[in-house]
Amino acid sequence: MTLGVSEFLAKPVNIEDFLTRVRTQVSNCEWEKSIDSAISTIATESNSAAGKA
């Protein structure tokens, strides 16, 4: 697990478990993008406000 593996599926793969894990990973990626966007917006607005002061 120290080589970058964050998930492990035992065989035989339970399709419901697999789909749940995929949905969770997609959701996590969407949240991360949303957070990155919010941080970028805050940084831009902060820099803009600092320039006006």
Protein backbone atom coordinates (compact mmCIF):
# COMPACT_ATOMS: atom_id res chain seq x y z
CA MET A 1 0.00 0.00 0.00
CA THR A 2 2.98 2.35 0.34
CA LEU A 3 3.48 2.37 -3.42
CA GLY A 4 0.44 4.52 -4.13
CA VAL A 5 -2.30 1.92 -3.93
CA SER A 6 -5.29 3.34 -2.09
CA GLU A 7 -7.85 0.64 -2.87
CA PHE A 8 -7.79 -3.14 -2.90
CA LEU A 9 -10.49 -5.41 -4.30
CA ALA A 10 -10.49 -9.07 -3.43
CA LYS A 11 -11.40 -11.58 -6.12
CA PRO A 12 -14.00 -12.49 -7.05
CA VAL A 13 -15.02 -8.85 -7.34
CA ASN A 14 -18.44 -7.94 -6.01
CA ILE A 15 -19.84 -5.63 -8.71
CA GLU A 16 -21.87 -3.57 -6.21
CA ASP A 17 -18.79 -3.01 -4.06
CA PHE A 18 -16.75 -2.11 -7.14
CA LEU A 19 -19.32 0.42 -8.39
CA THR A 20 -19.61 1.98 -4.95
CA ARG A 21 -15.85 2.45 -4.79
CA VAL A 22 -15.75 3.96 -8.28
CA ARG A 23 -18.56 6.39 -7.42
CA THR A 24 -16.74 7.36 -4.22
CA GLN A 25 -13.51 8.06 -6.11
CA VAL A 26 -15.35 10.14 -8.73
CA SER A 27 -17.07 12.10 -5.97
CA ASN A 28 -13.74 12.69 -4.23
CA CYS A 29 -12.22 13.99 -7.47
CA GLU A 30 -15.16 16.36 -7.99
CA TRP A 31 -14.83 17.68 -4.41
CA GLU A 32 -11.09 18.19 -4.87
CA LYS A 33 -11.65 20.17 -8.09
CA SER A 34 -14.31 22.25 -6.36
CA ILE A 35 -12.00 23.01 -3.44
CA ASP A 36 -9.12 23.90 -5.79
CA SER A 37 -11.42 26.26 -7.68
CA ALA A 38 -12.59 27.92 -4.46
CA ILE A 39 -9.00 28.39 -3.28
CA SER A 40 -8.05 29.89 -6.64
CA THR A 41 -11.00 32.29 -6.49
CA ILE A 42 -10.12 33.35 -2.95
CA ALA A 43 -6.48 33.91 -3.91
CA THR A 44 -7.48 35.98 -6.95
CA GLU A 45 -9.89 38.12 -4.95
CA SER A 46 -7.34 38.53 -2.15
CA ASN A 47 -4.66 39.66 -4.60
CA SER A 48 -7.11 42.03 -6.25
CA ALA A 49 -8.12 43.53 -2.90
CA ALA A 50 -4.48 43.89 -1.86
CA GLY A 51 -3.77 45.82 -5.05
CA LYS A 52 -6.60 48.26 -4.31
CA ALA A 53 -5.44 48.96 -0.75
